[in-house]
C-alpha atoms as a PDB file:
ATOM      1  CA  MET A   1     113.190 -47.295 -22.050  1.00  0.00           C
ATOM      2  CA  ILE A   2     109.344 -46.514 -21.047  1.00  0.00           C
ATOM      3  CA  VAL A   3     107.092 -48.562 -21.762  1.00  0.00           C
ATOM      4  CA  THR A   4     103.443 -47.011 -22.852  1.00  0.00           C
ATOM      5  CA  ILE A   5     100.497 -49.601 -21.559  1.00  0.00           C
ATOM      6  CA  ASN A   6      96.771 -48.760 -22.750  1.00  0.00           C
ATOM      7  CA  THR A   7      93.942 -49.808 -20.863  1.00  0.00           C
ATOM      8  CA  TYR A   8      90.109 -50.133 -22.206  1.00  0.00           C
ATOM      9  CA  THR A   9      86.932 -50.618 -19.776  1.00  0.00           C
ATOM     10  CA  VAL A  10      83.807 -51.697 -21.164  1.00  0.00           C
ATOM     11  CA  ARG A  11      80.644 -51.064 -18.801  1.00  0.00           C
ATOM     12  CA  VAL A  12      77.938 -52.717 -19.726  1.00  0.00           C
ATOM     13  CA  ALA A  13      74.155 -52.647 -18.290  1.00  0.00           C
ATOM     14  CA  GLY A  14      71.255 -55.078 -17.523  1.00  0.00           C
ATOM     15  CA  ALA A  15      67.850 -55.664 -15.718  1.00  0.00           C
ATOM     16  CA  ARG A  16      66.485 -57.964 -14.572  1.00  0.00           C
ATOM     17  CA  ILE A  17      62.857 -58.525 -13.089  1.00  0.00           C
ATOM     18  CA  LYS A  18      63.024 -60.718  -9.751  1.00  0.00           C
ATOM     19  CA  PRO A  19      59.935 -62.220  -8.364  1.00  0.00           C
ATOM     20  CA  VAL A  20      59.338 -62.392  -4.936  1.00  0.00           C
ATOM     21  CA  ARG A  21      56.512 -63.734  -2.185  1.00  0.00           C
ATOM     22  CA  CYS A  22      56.452 -62.049   0.965  1.00  0.00           C
ATOM     23  CA  ALA A  23      57.365 -64.473   4.048  1.00  0.00           C
ATOM     24  CA  ARG A  24      55.146 -62.773   6.072  1.00  0.00           C
ATOM     25  CA  CYS A  25      51.530 -61.733   4.185  1.00  0.00           C
ATOM     26  CA  GLN A  26      52.135 -64.097   1.066  1.00  0.00           C
ATOM     27  CA  GLN A  27      51.820 -61.063  -1.371  1.00  0.00           C
ATOM     28  CA  ASP A  28      53.210 -61.872  -5.098  1.00  0.00           C
ATOM     29  CA  TYR A  29      55.555 -58.804  -6.252  1.00  0.00           C
ATOM     30  CA  TYR A  30      58.749 -58.244  -8.678  1.00  0.00           C
ATOM     31  CA  TYR A  31      60.912 -55.514  -8.810  1.00  0.00           C
ATOM     32  CA  GLU A  32      63.612 -54.514 -11.449  1.00  0.00           C
ATOM     33  CA  THR A  33      67.365 -54.956 -10.267  1.00  0.00           C
ATOM     34  CA  VAL A  34      69.867 -53.473 -12.754  1.00  0.00           C
ATOM     35  CA  ARG A  35      73.347 -54.377 -12.236  1.00  0.00           C
ATOM     36  CA  THR A  36      76.312 -53.044 -14.021  1.00  0.00           C
ATOM     37  CA  ALA A  37      79.129 -55.537 -15.438  1.00  0.00           C
ATOM     38  CA  LYS A  38      82.999 -54.366 -16.191  1.00  0.00           C
ATOM     39  CA  GLY A  39      85.398 -55.851 -18.987  1.00  0.00           C
ATOM     40  CA  SER A  40      89.373 -54.687 -19.035  1.00  0.00           C
ATOM     41  CA  SER A  41      92.081 -55.472 -21.157  1.00  0.00           C
ATOM     42  CA  ALA A  42      95.536 -53.751 -21.838  1.00  0.00           C
ATOM     43  CA  THR A  43      97.871 -53.429 -24.686  1.00  0.00           C
ATOM     44  CA  VAL A  44     101.376 -52.192 -24.963  1.00  0.00           C
ATOM     45  CA  TYR A  45     102.452 -49.326 -27.226  1.00  0.00           C
ATOM     46  CA  GLY A  46      98.072 -49.593 -28.705  1.00  0.00           C
ATOM     47  CA  ILE A  47      99.487 -53.414 -30.602  1.00  0.00           C
ATOM     48  CA  GLY A  48      96.088 -54.674 -30.943  1.00  0.00           C
ATOM     49  CA  ALA A  49      94.001 -51.926 -29.706  1.00  0.00           C
ATOM     50  CA  LYS A  50      90.878 -53.464 -31.307  1.00  0.00           C
ATOM     51  CA  SER A  51      91.307 -56.705 -30.340  1.00  0.00           C
ATOM     52  CA  ALA A  52      91.819 -55.582 -26.389  1.00  0.00           C
ATOM     53  CA  GLU A  53      88.677 -53.296 -26.497  1.00  0.00           C
ATOM     54  CA  GLN A  54      86.945 -56.543 -27.742  1.00  0.00           C
ATOM     55  CA  SER A  55      88.256 -58.655 -24.664  1.00  0.00           C
ATOM     56  CA  ALA A  56      87.019 -55.965 -22.535  1.00  0.00           C
ATOM     57  CA  ALA A  57      83.687 -55.850 -24.284  1.00  0.00           C
ATOM     58  CA  ASN A  58      83.506 -59.689 -23.648  1.00  0.00           C
ATOM     59  CA  GLU A  59      84.234 -59.700 -20.572  1.00  0.00           C
ATOM     60  CA  ALA A  60      81.649 -57.454 -19.665  1.00  0.00           C
ATOM     61  CA  HIS A  61      78.904 -58.838 -21.326  1.00  0.00           C
ATOM     62  CA  ALA A  62      79.923 -62.628 -19.804  1.00  0.00           C
ATOM     63  CA  GLY A  63      80.382 -61.019 -16.695  1.00  0.00           C
ATOM     64  CA  LEU A  64      76.339 -59.448 -16.832  1.00  0.00           C
ATOM     65  CA  PRO A  65      74.512 -62.505 -16.779  1.00  0.00           C
ATOM     66  CA  TYR A  66      76.074 -64.066 -13.482  1.00  0.00           C
ATOM     67  CA  GLU A  67      75.770 -60.324 -11.475  1.00  0.00           C
ATOM     68  CA  LEU A  68      71.914 -59.780 -12.299  1.00  0.00           C
ATOM     69  CA  TYR A  69      71.465 -63.947 -11.618  1.00  0.00           C
ATOM     70  CA  TYR A  70      72.433 -63.384  -7.988  1.00  0.00           C
ATOM     71  CA  ALA A  71      71.752 -59.107  -7.537  1.00  0.00           C
ATOM     72  CA  VAL A  72      69.290 -58.907  -4.074  1.00  0.00           C
ATOM     73  CA  ASP A  73      68.310 -55.345  -3.458  1.00  0.00           C
ATOM     74  CA  PRO A  74      66.006 -54.208  -0.306  1.00  0.00           C
ATOM     75  CA  VAL A  75      62.688 -53.879  -2.014  1.00  0.00           C
ATOM     76  CA  PRO A  76      60.446 -54.251   0.987  1.00  0.00           C
ATOM     77  CA  CYS A  77      56.435 -55.937   0.403  1.00  0.00           C
ATOM     78  CA  PRO A  78      54.157 -52.789  -0.790  1.00  0.00           C
ATOM     79  CA  LYS A  79      51.552 -54.961   1.097  1.00  0.00           C
ATOM     80  CA  CYS A  80      52.813 -55.532   4.225  1.00  0.00           C
ATOM     81  CA  GLY A  81      56.016 -53.297   4.149  1.00  0.00           C
ATOM     82  CA  THR A  82      58.072 -56.459   5.401  1.00  0.00           C
ATOM     83  CA  LEU A  83      61.617 -56.902   4.014  1.00  0.00           C
ATOM     84  CA  GLN A  84      62.220 -60.504   3.072  1.00  0.00           C
ATOM     85  CA  PRO A  85      64.807 -61.979   5.543  1.00  0.00           C
ATOM     86  CA  ASP A  86      67.362 -62.719   2.986  1.00  0.00           C
ATOM     87  CA  VAL A  87      67.276 -59.469   1.600  1.00  0.00           C
ATOM     88  CA  GLU A  88      67.444 -58.108   5.274  1.00  0.00           C
ATOM     89  CA  GLU A  89      70.460 -60.482   6.642  1.00  0.00           C
ATOM     90  CA  LYS A  90      72.694 -59.263   3.239  1.00  0.00           C
ATOM     91  CA  PHE A  91      71.634 -55.605   4.199  1.00  0.00           C
ATOM     92  CA  LYS A  92      71.773 -55.893   8.192  1.00  0.00           C
ATOM     93  CA  LYS A  93      74.689 -53.258   8.203  1.00  0.00           C
ATOM     94  CA  ALA A  94      73.020 -50.575   6.483  1.00  0.00           C
ATOM     95  CA  ARG A  95      72.280 -47.050   7.950  1.00  0.00           C
ATOM     96  CA  ARG A  96      69.153 -46.481   5.940  1.00  0.00           C
ATOM     97  CA  LEU A  97      66.535 -48.957   5.026  1.00  0.00           C
ATOM     98  CA  PRO A  98      65.254 -48.486   2.404  1.00  0.00           C
ATOM     99  CA  ILE A  99      68.565 -47.269   0.698  1.00  0.00           C
ATOM    100  CA  PRO A 100      68.124 -44.033  -1.441  1.00  0.00           C
ATOM    101  CA  GLY A 101      68.169 -45.160  -5.340  1.00  0.00           C
ATOM    102  CA  MET A 102      66.537 -49.038  -5.200  1.00  0.00           C
ATOM    103  CA  PRO A 103      64.094 -49.734  -7.701  1.00  0.00           C
ATOM    104  CA  PRO A 104      59.795 -49.950  -6.581  1.00  0.00           C
ATOM    105  CA  ALA A 105      58.319 -52.498  -6.100  1.00  0.00           C
ATOM    106  CA  LEU A 106      56.165 -53.985  -9.272  1.00  0.00           C
ATOM    107  CA  VAL A 107      52.892 -55.622  -8.982  1.00  0.00           C
ATOM    108  CA  ALA A 108      51.198 -57.636 -12.312  1.00  0.00           C
ATOM    109  CA  GLU A 109      48.184 -55.613 -13.884  1.00  0.00           C
ATOM    110  CA  GLN A 110      46.466 -58.940 -13.956  1.00  0.00           C
ATOM    111  CA  PRO A 111      46.126 -61.727 -11.354  1.00  0.00           C
ATOM    112  CA  ALA A 112      49.966 -62.671 -10.321  1.00  0.00           C
ATOM    113  CA  PRO A 113      50.685 -66.319 -11.690  1.00  0.00           C
ATOM    114  CA  ALA A 114      52.321 -68.852  -9.611  1.00  0.00           C
ATOM    115  CA  MET A 115      55.197 -68.200  -8.516  1.00  0.00           C
ATOM    116  CA  GLY A 116      57.328 -69.900 -10.788  1.00  0.00           C
ATOM    117  CA  ALA A 117      55.501 -69.161 -13.796  1.00  0.00           C
ATOM    118  CA  ALA A 118      56.762 -66.540 -16.192  1.00  0.00           C
ATOM    119  CA  ILE A 119      56.755 -63.138 -15.684  1.00  0.00           C
ATOM    120  CA  PRO A 120      53.480 -61.032 -16.564  1.00  0.00           C
ATOM    121  CA  ILE A 121      53.932 -58.894 -20.054  1.00  0.00           C
ATOM    122  CA  ARG A 122      52.362 -56.044 -18.007  1.00  0.00           C
ATOM    123  CA  LEU A 123      54.293 -54.746 -14.816  1.00  0.00           C
ATOM    124  CA  LYS A 124      53.154 -51.445 -12.946  1.00  0.00           C
ATOM    125  CA  THR A 125      54.662 -49.762  -9.851  1.00  0.00           C
ATOM    126  CA  ALA A 126      52.579 -51.157  -6.672  1.00  0.00           C
ATOM    127  CA  VAL A 127      52.873 -47.762  -4.750  1.00  0.00           C
ATOM    128  CA  PRO A 128      52.975 -44.775  -6.186  1.00  0.00           C
ATOM    129  CA  GLN A 129      56.560 -43.184  -5.650  1.00  0.00           C
ATOM    130  CA  LYS A 130      57.966 -39.700  -5.028  1.00  0.00           C
ATOM    131  CA  ALA A 131      61.336 -38.514  -5.461  1.00  0.00           C
ATOM    132  CA  ASP A 132      62.422 -36.015  -3.190  1.00  0.00           C
ATOM    133  CA  VAL A 133      65.463 -33.673  -3.157  1.00  0.00           C
ATOM    134  CA  GLU A 134      67.161 -33.961   0.246  1.00  0.00           C
ATOM    135  CA  ASN A 135      69.983 -31.569   2.100  1.00  0.00           C
ATOM    136  CA  GLY A 136      70.277 -30.017  -1.628  1.00  0.00           C
ATOM    137  CA  GLN A 137      70.706 -33.381  -3.461  1.00  0.00           C
ATOM    138  CA  LEU A 138      68.961 -35.956  -5.473  1.00  0.00           C
ATOM    139  CA  THR A 139      69.742 -39.527  -5.193  1.00  0.00           C
ATOM    140  CA  VAL A 140      68.238 -41.916  -7.940  1.00  0.00           C
ATOM    141  CA  GLN A 141      68.831 -44.600 -10.435  1.00  0.00           C
ATOM    142  CA  GLU A 142      70.991 -43.456 -13.150  1.00  0.00           C
ATOM    143  CA  HIS A 143      68.933 -45.666 -15.521  1.00  0.00           C
ATOM    144  CA  ARG A 144      65.727 -44.592 -13.963  1.00  0.00           C
ATOM    145  CA  MET A 145      66.417 -41.275 -14.600  1.00  0.00           C
ATOM    146  CA  TYR A 146      66.004 -38.067 -17.962  1.00  0.00           C
ATOM    147  CA  PHE A 147      66.910 -35.083 -17.941  1.00  0.00           C
ATOM    148  CA  PRO A 148      64.939 -31.984 -18.869  1.00  0.00           C
ATOM    149  CA  ALA A 149      65.912 -29.625 -21.685  1.00  0.00           C
ATOM    150  CA  ALA A 150      67.581 -27.242 -19.616  1.00  0.00           C
ATOM    151  CA  CYS A 151      70.558 -26.225 -18.211  1.00  0.00           C
ATOM    152  CA  CYS A 152      71.927 -27.517 -15.294  1.00  0.00           C
ATOM    153  CA  MET A 153      73.750 -24.636 -13.836  1.00  0.00           C
ATOM    154  CA  CYS A 154      70.915 -22.330 -13.998  1.00  0.00           C
ATOM    155  CA  GLY A 155      67.584 -23.649 -15.208  1.00  0.00           C
ATOM    156  CA  VAL A 156      67.184 -21.859 -18.322  1.00  0.00           C
ATOM    157  CA  PRO A 157      66.099 -24.172 -21.581  1.00  0.00           C
ATOM    158  CA  ALA A 158      69.175 -25.528 -23.735  1.00  0.00           C
ATOM    159  CA  GLU A 159      69.922 -28.056 -25.705  1.00  0.00           C
ATOM    160  CA  LEU A 160      73.481 -28.240 -25.745  1.00  0.00           C
ATOM    161  CA  PRO A 161      75.509 -31.120 -23.823  1.00  0.00           C
ATOM    162  CA  PHE A 162      76.985 -30.154 -20.429  1.00  0.00           C
ATOM    163  CA  LYS A 163      80.668 -31.335 -20.827  1.00  0.00           C
ATOM    164  CA  MET A 164      83.238 -30.452 -18.076  1.00  0.00           C
ATOM    165  CA  PRO A 165      86.293 -28.544 -19.943  1.00  0.00           C
ATOM    166  CA  ARG A 166      88.391 -31.738 -19.439  1.00  0.00           C
ATOM    167  CA  SER A 167      86.706 -34.531 -20.258  1.00  0.00           C
ATOM    168  CA  LYS A 168      83.690 -35.679 -22.872  1.00  0.00           C
ATOM    169  CA  ALA A 169      80.150 -34.866 -22.881  1.00  0.00           C
ATOM    170  CA  TYR A 170      77.986 -36.418 -20.299  1.00  0.00           C
ATOM    171  CA  GLU A 171      75.843 -39.603 -22.206  1.00  0.00           C
ATOM    172  CA  ASN A 172      73.228 -39.174 -20.174  1.00  0.00           C
ATOM    173  CA  GLY A 173      71.539 -36.051 -21.691  1.00  0.00           C
ATOM    174  CA  MET A 174      72.647 -33.491 -18.758  1.00  0.00           C
ATOM    175  CA  ARG A 175      72.541 -29.722 -20.776  1.00  0.00           C
ATOM    176  CA  ALA A 176      73.887 -26.872 -20.464  1.00  0.00           C
ATOM    177  CA  CYS A 177      73.635 -23.177 -22.061  1.00  0.00           C
ATOM    178  CA  PRO A 178      76.510 -21.564 -24.400  1.00  0.00           C
ATOM    179  CA  LYS A 179      76.888 -19.073 -21.534  1.00  0.00           C
ATOM    180  CA  CYS A 180      77.496 -21.280 -18.401  1.00  0.00           C
ATOM    181  CA  LEU A 181      79.895 -23.457 -20.823  1.00  0.00           C
ATOM    182  CA  GLU A 182      81.965 -20.214 -21.385  1.00  0.00           C
ATOM    183  CA  ASP A 183      82.030 -19.255 -17.548  1.00  0.00           C
ATOM    184  CA  LEU A 184      82.874 -23.028 -16.391  1.00  0.00           C
ATOM    185  CA  GLY A 185      85.545 -22.901 -19.303  1.00  0.00           C
ATOM    186  CA  ARG A 186      86.889 -19.328 -18.258  1.00  0.00           C
ATOM    187  CA  ARG A 187      86.965 -20.812 -14.435  1.00  0.00           C
ATOM    188  CA  TYR A 188      89.167 -23.859 -15.459  1.00  0.00           C
ATOM    189  CA  LYS A 189      91.833 -21.334 -17.235  1.00  0.00           C
ATOM    190  CA  ARG A 190      91.459 -18.726 -14.201  1.00  0.00           C
ATOM    191  CA  ARG A 191      92.266 -21.382 -11.270  1.00  0.00           C
ATOM    192  CA  SER A 192      94.462 -23.321 -13.797  1.00  0.00           C
ATOM    193  CA  PHE A 193      97.028 -19.595 -13.684  1.00  0.00           C
ATOM    194  CA  GLU A 194      96.898 -19.668 -10.325  1.00  0.00           C
ATOM    195  CA  GLY A 195      97.732 -23.270  -9.869  1.00  0.00           C
ATOM    196  CA  ALA A 196     100.724 -22.874 -11.704  1.00  0.00           C
ATOM    197  CA  LEU A 197     101.381 -19.387  -9.875  1.00  0.00           C
ATOM    198  CA  LEU A 198     100.815 -21.113  -6.647  1.00  0.00           C
ATOM    199  CA  GLY A 199     103.623 -23.865  -7.496  1.00  0.00           C
ATOM    200  CA  LEU A 200     105.984 -20.968  -9.294  1.00  0.00           C
ATOM    201  CA  GLY A 201     105.618 -19.445  -5.633  1.00  0.00           C
ATOM    202  CA  LEU A 202     106.196 -22.392  -3.479  1.00  0.00           C
ATOM    203  CA  GLY A 203     109.403 -23.544  -5.684  1.00  0.00           C
ATOM    204  CA  GLY A 204     110.840 -19.915  -5.048  1.00  0.00           C
ATOM    205  CA  LEU A 205     110.054 -20.062  -1.722  1.00  0.00           C
ATOM    206  CA  VAL A 206     111.790 -23.264  -1.240  1.00  0.00           C
ATOM    207  CA  GLY A 207     114.868 -21.470  -3.315  1.00  0.00           C
ATOM    208  CA  PHE A 208     115.154 -19.035  -1.035  1.00  0.00           C
ATOM    209  CA  LEU A 209     115.053 -21.832   2.261  1.00  0.00           C
ATOM    210  CA  PHE A 210     117.694 -23.699   0.516  1.00  0.00           C
ATOM    211  CA  SER A 211     119.875 -20.535  -0.146  1.00  0.00           C
ATOM    212  CA  LEU A 212     120.417 -19.383   3.157  1.00  0.00           C
ATOM    213  CA  VAL A 213     122.091 -22.795   4.098  1.00  0.00           C
ATOM    214  CA  PRO A 214     125.747 -22.257   3.974  1.00  0.00           C
ATOM    215  CA  ASP A 215     127.830 -23.212   0.773  1.00  0.00           C
ATOM    216  CA  ALA A 216     124.528 -24.389  -0.754  1.00  0.00           C
ATOM    217  CA  GLY A 217     125.321 -22.054  -4.085  1.00  0.00           C
ATOM    218  CA  GLY A 218     123.413 -21.582  -6.903  1.00  0.00           C
ATOM    219  CA  GLY A 219     121.957 -25.147  -7.049  1.00  0.00           C
ATOM    220  CA  ALA A 220     119.334 -24.624  -4.460  1.00  0.00           C
ATOM    221  CA  TRP A 221     117.544 -21.849  -6.748  1.00  0.00           C
ATOM    222  CA  VAL A 222     117.759 -24.407  -9.488  1.00  0.00           C
ATOM    223  CA  ALA A 223     116.934 -26.576  -7.333  1.00  0.00           C
ATOM    224  CA  GLY A 224     113.971 -24.577  -6.321  1.00  0.00           C
ATOM    225  CA  GLY A 225     112.989 -23.724 -10.125  1.00  0.00           C
ATOM    226  CA  VAL A 226     112.904 -27.546 -11.115  1.00  0.00           C
ATOM    227  CA  LEU A 227     110.527 -27.988  -8.104  1.00  0.00           C
ATOM    228  CA  GLY A 228     108.467 -24.558  -8.884  1.00  0.00           C
ATOM    229  CA  VAL A 229     107.715 -25.964 -12.242  1.00  0.00           C
ATOM    230  CA  ILE A 230     106.662 -29.878 -11.508  1.00  0.00           C
ATOM    231  CA  ALA A 231     104.578 -28.036  -8.791  1.00  0.00           C
ATOM    232  CA  GLY A 232     102.974 -25.005 -10.656  1.00  0.00           C
ATOM    233  CA  GLY A 233     102.244 -28.045 -13.623  1.00  0.00           C
ATOM    234  CA  PHE A 234     100.653 -30.436 -10.893  1.00  0.00           C
ATOM    235  CA  LEU A 235      98.443 -27.782  -9.413  1.00  0.00           C
ATOM    236  CA  ALA A 236      97.287 -25.842 -13.029  1.00  0.00           C
ATOM    237  CA  LEU A 237      95.901 -29.050 -13.465  1.00  0.00           C
ATOM    238  CA  LEU A 238      94.602 -30.334 -10.237  1.00  0.00           C
ATOM    239  CA  LEU A 239      93.218 -27.208  -8.666  1.00  0.00           C
ATOM    240  CA  PRO A 240      90.691 -26.783 -11.318  1.00  0.00           C
ATOM    241  CA  ASP A 241      88.980 -30.124 -10.538  1.00  0.00           C
ATOM    242  CA  ARG A 242      89.304 -29.959  -7.214  1.00  0.00           C
ATOM    243  CA  LEU A 243      87.595 -26.511  -6.567  1.00  0.00           C
ATOM    244  CA  GLU A 244      84.513 -26.927  -8.756  1.00  0.00           C
ATOM    245  CA  PRO A 245      81.653 -27.852  -7.486  1.00  0.00           C
ATOM    246  CA  LYS A 246      81.199 -31.902  -7.500  1.00  0.00           C
ATOM    247  CA  TYR A 247      77.945 -32.261  -9.915  1.00  0.00           C
ATOM    248  CA  CYS A 248      77.357 -36.056  -9.780  1.00  0.00           C
ATOM    249  CA  THR A 249      78.786 -38.814  -7.386  1.00  0.00           C
ATOM    250  CA  TRP A 250      78.435 -42.398  -7.644  1.00  0.00           C
ATOM    251  CA  ILE A 251      77.024 -44.071  -4.618  1.00  0.00           C
ATOM    252  CA  ASP A 252      76.900 -47.423  -5.775  1.00  0.00           C
ATOM    253  CA  ARG A 253      78.624 -47.745  -9.688  1.00  0.00           C
ATOM    254  CA  SER A 254      77.158 -51.417  -9.880  1.00  0.00           C
ATOM    255  CA  ARG A 255      73.618 -50.357  -9.103  1.00  0.00           C
ATOM    256  CA  GLY A 256      73.911 -47.333 -11.283  1.00  0.00           C
ATOM    257  CA  ILE A 257      72.855 -45.414  -7.644  1.00  0.00           C
ATOM    258  CA  VAL A 258      74.323 -41.730  -8.689  1.00  0.00           C
ATOM    259  CA  GLN A 259      73.928 -38.413  -6.324  1.00  0.00           C
ATOM    260  CA  TYR A 260      73.005 -35.272  -8.542  1.00  0.00           C
ATOM    261  CA  ARG A 261      74.079 -31.525  -6.677  1.00  0.00           C
ATOM    262  CA  PHE A 262      73.120 -28.716  -8.762  1.00  0.00           C
ATOM    263  CA  ALA A 263      73.183 -25.545  -7.429  1.00  0.00           C
ATOM    264  CA  SER A 264      69.810 -24.138  -9.400  1.00  0.00           C
ATOM    265  CA  GLN A 265      66.872 -25.091  -7.208  1.00  0.00           C
ATOM    266  CA  ALA A 266      64.775 -25.064  -9.678  1.00  0.00           C
ATOM    267  CA  TYR A 267      66.105 -27.035 -11.772  1.00  0.00           C
ATOM    268  CA  MET A 268      66.819 -29.941  -8.851  1.00  0.00           C
ATOM    269  CA  GLN A 269      63.403 -29.881  -8.534  1.00  0.00           C
ATOM    270  CA  GLU A 270      62.572 -30.474 -12.509  1.00  0.00           C
ATOM    271  CA  LEU A 271      65.245 -33.513 -11.711  1.00  0.00           C
ATOM    272  CA  ALA A 272      63.246 -34.687  -8.928  1.00  0.00           C
ATOM    273  CA  LYS A 273      59.977 -34.553 -11.211  1.00  0.00           C
ATOM    274  CA  ALA A 274      61.281 -36.420 -13.912  1.00  0.00           C
ATOM    275  CA  ALA A 275      62.259 -38.886 -11.609  1.00  0.00           C
ATOM    276  CA  THR A 276      59.283 -39.497 -10.224  1.00  0.00           C
ATOM    277  CA  VAL A 277      57.922 -40.140 -13.777  1.00  0.00           C
ATOM    278  CA  CYS A 278      59.951 -43.133 -13.898  1.00  0.00           C
ATOM    279  CA  LEU A 279      59.690 -44.111 -10.683  1.00  0.00           C
ATOM    280  CA  ASN A 280      56.291 -44.837 -11.702  1.00  0.00           C
ATOM    281  CA  ALA A 281      56.735 -46.000 -14.999  1.00  0.00           C
ATOM    282  CA  GLY A 282      57.278 -49.478 -14.067  1.00  0.00           C
ATOM    283  CA  PRO A 283      60.164 -51.351 -15.771  1.00  0.00           C
ATOM    284  CA  VAL A 284      62.226 -49.652 -17.648  1.00  0.00           C
ATOM    285  CA  LEU A 285      65.278 -51.199 -19.127  1.00  0.00           C
ATOM    286  CA  GLN A 286      65.389 -53.684 -21.741  1.00  0.00           C
ATOM    287  CA  HIS A 287      65.390 -57.021 -19.716  1.00  0.00           C
ATOM    288  CA  LEU A 288      67.660 -59.555 -19.359  1.00  0.00           C
ATOM    289  CA  TYR A 289      66.128 -62.624 -18.376  1.00  0.00           C
ATOM    290  CA  VAL A 290      68.701 -65.630 -16.892  1.00  0.00           C
END
């Protein structure tokens, strides 16, 4: 008996303005911490799918205030550069501080109120920021980013949403031109065919080696054929994704920190410009105060 279990996962993101008073120079500053929360639920044979999806969403939304309340990011004082003692203790094992992708420090456009008072309505980035491409990679916070209207693979103007052949379109605004999407689809088909041939070849080799065993009979070739079909199907699915470069890699999913890497250096520079604009724009998300 085969039991089919469907799992529903919902992720939600929120932001909170965190007030800080520097332990060294007493400078009051703020930063916008971003967190995501996940909720999951499962059904058997798809029974109660809507209820399961709603349950996953409720779990995610219930966990988000908790994540934001206890969230701490290593944002140094914009005046003296000091990382606060409680934060430094938590991140003392970090190889690099500040960690790439962290939010910038914010200050009030008017004189900052006493700590414990209401958060100022207008905040601005304390120190001008600049996002840089390092070793062909750009590390940013996904929510503090927008994508230019250009193909992420060749850099020409484009409006079509970018998607991998076996997945949905990216919801973050990445775009691609028709030619690059067509080339990507052809690469996937060719690699799937090559994976299937490789699997069948391996199965044939196994069958041949088994046939050399005395009294193996025709069963060795049957076993090799079955193995070849299984290996061919597996490699046909696996090989295209393994050989295609990783355009975006999660560095810290809970904070929304992602690393982008594209072959077009012109496009990478445009991404860096867009990230710089967002870093200097102050708070960027609708805030959830808890």
